[in-house]
């Protein structure tokens, strides 16, 4: 009698890897923009206007980088979970993480009127 080799769960494994592949492809296409539409936001963040003149004597606050640094590990975990769930889960998960970065950046914005803090948001972008 010849030994018989039977694969159990092969279809499920193929479906899982197919879902991972589609989720990874969706993740490669996603762009989330975090920032503010206020005209002075760039100068406060970088310390200089786009034309190069000094915007802030104290220098740039880099509030977005600080917010991103606080959320980096959460973003990695959320991205991995979203890729595993499939392509339909990627955009909502990453948009939620973009909003979390905006929220984490708010305490680092200089507080005069609060307009810049309130204007921080995340939106889907384009490649």
Protein backbone atom coordinates (compact mmCIF):
# COMPACT_ATOMS: atom_id res chain seq x y z
CA UNK A 1 0.00 0.00 0.00
CA UNK A 2 1.35 3.41 -1.00
CA UNK A 3 1.25 6.23 1.59
CA UNK A 4 -1.38 8.87 0.91
CA UNK A 5 -0.61 12.49 1.61
CA UNK A 6 -3.62 14.70 2.33
CA UNK A 7 -3.47 18.48 2.78
CA UNK A 8 -5.95 19.82 5.28
CA UNK A 9 -6.91 23.48 5.11
CA UNK A 10 -5.18 24.21 1.82
CA UNK A 11 -8.11 26.24 0.45
CA UNK A 12 -8.30 28.27 3.65
CA UNK A 13 -4.56 28.96 3.53
CA UNK A 14 -4.79 30.04 -0.10
CA UNK A 15 -7.70 32.36 0.71
CA UNK A 16 -5.77 33.83 3.67
CA UNK A 17 -2.67 34.53 1.57
CA UNK A 18 -4.80 35.97 -1.22
CA UNK A 19 -6.43 38.33 1.33
CA UNK A 20 -2.98 39.30 2.65
CA UNK A 21 -1.77 40.03 -0.87
CA UNK A 22 -4.80 42.23 -1.69
CA UNK A 23 -4.49 44.02 1.66
CA UNK A 24 -0.79 44.70 1.06
CA UNK A 25 -1.54 46.03 -2.43
CA UNK A 26 -4.21 48.33 -0.99
CA UNK A 27 -1.76 49.52 1.69
CA UNK A 28 0.80 50.36 -1.00
CA UNK A 29 -1.74 52.65 -2.69
CA UNK A 30 -3.08 54.45 0.39
CA UNK A 31 -2.15 58.07 1.09
CA UNK A 32 -3.40 59.92 4.16
CA UNK A 33 -2.62 63.64 4.48
CA UNK A 34 -2.42 65.10 7.97
CA UNK A 35 -2.20 68.84 8.43
CA UNK A 36 -4.01 72.15 8.43
CA UNK A 37 -5.40 74.37 5.72
CA UNK A 38 -4.53 77.50 7.72
CA UNK A 39 -2.10 79.65 5.67
CA UNK A 40 0.28 80.14 8.60
CA UNK A 41 0.47 76.44 9.57
CA UNK A 42 3.52 75.76 7.37
CA UNK A 43 5.48 78.63 8.96
CA UNK A 44 4.66 77.56 12.50
CA UNK A 45 5.54 73.95 11.78
CA UNK A 46 8.86 74.60 10.01
CA UNK A 47 9.76 78.02 11.45
CA UNK A 48 10.11 79.54 7.98
CA UNK A 49 7.68 80.61 5.29
CA UNK A 50 7.67 78.73 1.99
CA UNK A 51 9.64 81.59 0.45
CA UNK A 52 12.36 81.12 3.07
CA UNK A 53 11.82 84.11 5.35
CA UNK A 54 11.68 83.67 9.10
CA UNK A 55 8.16 82.89 10.33
CA UNK A 56 8.87 82.19 13.97
CA UNK A 57 11.80 83.46 15.99
CA UNK A 58 11.56 80.45 18.33
CA UNK A 59 11.96 78.10 15.35
CA UNK A 60 9.63 75.47 14.02
CA UNK A 61 7.48 73.50 16.41
CA UNK A 62 7.48 70.33 14.27
CA UNK A 63 4.15 69.43 15.83
CA UNK A 64 3.24 66.89 13.12
CA UNK A 65 6.50 64.95 13.50
CA UNK A 66 6.00 64.86 17.27
CA UNK A 67 2.44 63.59 16.87
CA UNK A 68 3.59 60.97 14.37
CA UNK A 69 6.38 59.84 16.69
CA UNK A 70 3.84 59.26 19.46
CA UNK A 71 1.58 57.18 17.20
CA UNK A 72 4.18 55.27 15.17
CA UNK A 73 3.86 51.92 16.97
CA UNK A 74 0.05 52.15 16.98
CA UNK A 75 0.11 52.80 13.24
CA UNK A 76 2.28 49.73 12.62
CA UNK A 77 -0.10 47.51 14.59
CA UNK A 78 -3.20 48.98 12.93
CA UNK A 79 -1.64 48.58 9.47
CA UNK A 80 -0.80 44.93 10.10
CA UNK A 81 -4.31 44.22 11.37
CA UNK A 82 -5.90 46.03 8.41
CA UNK A 83 -3.78 44.17 5.84
CA UNK A 84 -4.77 40.88 7.44
CA UNK A 85 -8.47 41.77 7.22
CA UNK A 86 -8.21 42.59 3.52
CA UNK A 87 -8.26 45.59 1.19
CA UNK A 88 -11.64 46.94 2.36
CA UNK A 89 -10.26 47.47 5.88
CA UNK A 90 -7.12 49.39 4.90
CA UNK A 91 -8.47 52.87 4.05
CA UNK A 92 -10.74 53.26 7.12
CA UNK A 93 -8.01 51.99 9.46
CA UNK A 94 -5.36 54.31 8.06
CA UNK A 95 -7.71 57.31 8.03
CA UNK A 96 -8.44 56.63 11.70
CA UNK A 97 -4.69 56.52 12.38
CA UNK A 98 -4.27 59.82 10.50
CA UNK A 99 -6.90 61.39 12.75
CA UNK A 100 -5.06 59.96 15.76
CA UNK A 101 -1.82 61.59 14.55
CA UNK A 102 -3.66 64.93 14.22
CA UNK A 103 -5.00 64.51 17.76
CA UNK A 104 -1.55 63.61 19.09
CA UNK A 105 -0.05 66.69 17.37
CA UNK A 106 -2.52 69.16 18.90
CA UNK A 107 -0.74 69.52 22.26
CA UNK A 108 2.47 70.49 20.44
CA UNK A 109 0.93 73.42 18.54
CA UNK A 110 1.53 76.88 20.01
CA UNK A 111 -1.65 78.05 21.69
CA UNK A 112 -2.68 81.62 21.00
CA UNK A 113 -6.21 81.47 19.69
CA UNK A 114 -6.49 77.69 19.26
CA UNK A 115 -7.41 77.95 15.59
CA UNK A 116 -4.41 75.93 14.41
CA UNK A 117 -5.14 73.19 16.94
CA UNK A 118 -8.75 72.93 15.86
CA UNK A 119 -7.81 72.94 12.17
CA UNK A 120 -5.59 69.83 12.28
CA UNK A 121 -7.21 66.98 10.39
CA UNK A 122 -6.55 63.94 8.21
CA UNK A 123 -7.94 63.33 4.73
CA UNK A 124 -7.40 60.69 2.06
CA UNK A 125 -4.90 61.82 -0.56
CA UNK A 126 -3.87 60.74 -4.04
CA UNK A 127 -0.73 59.15 -5.39
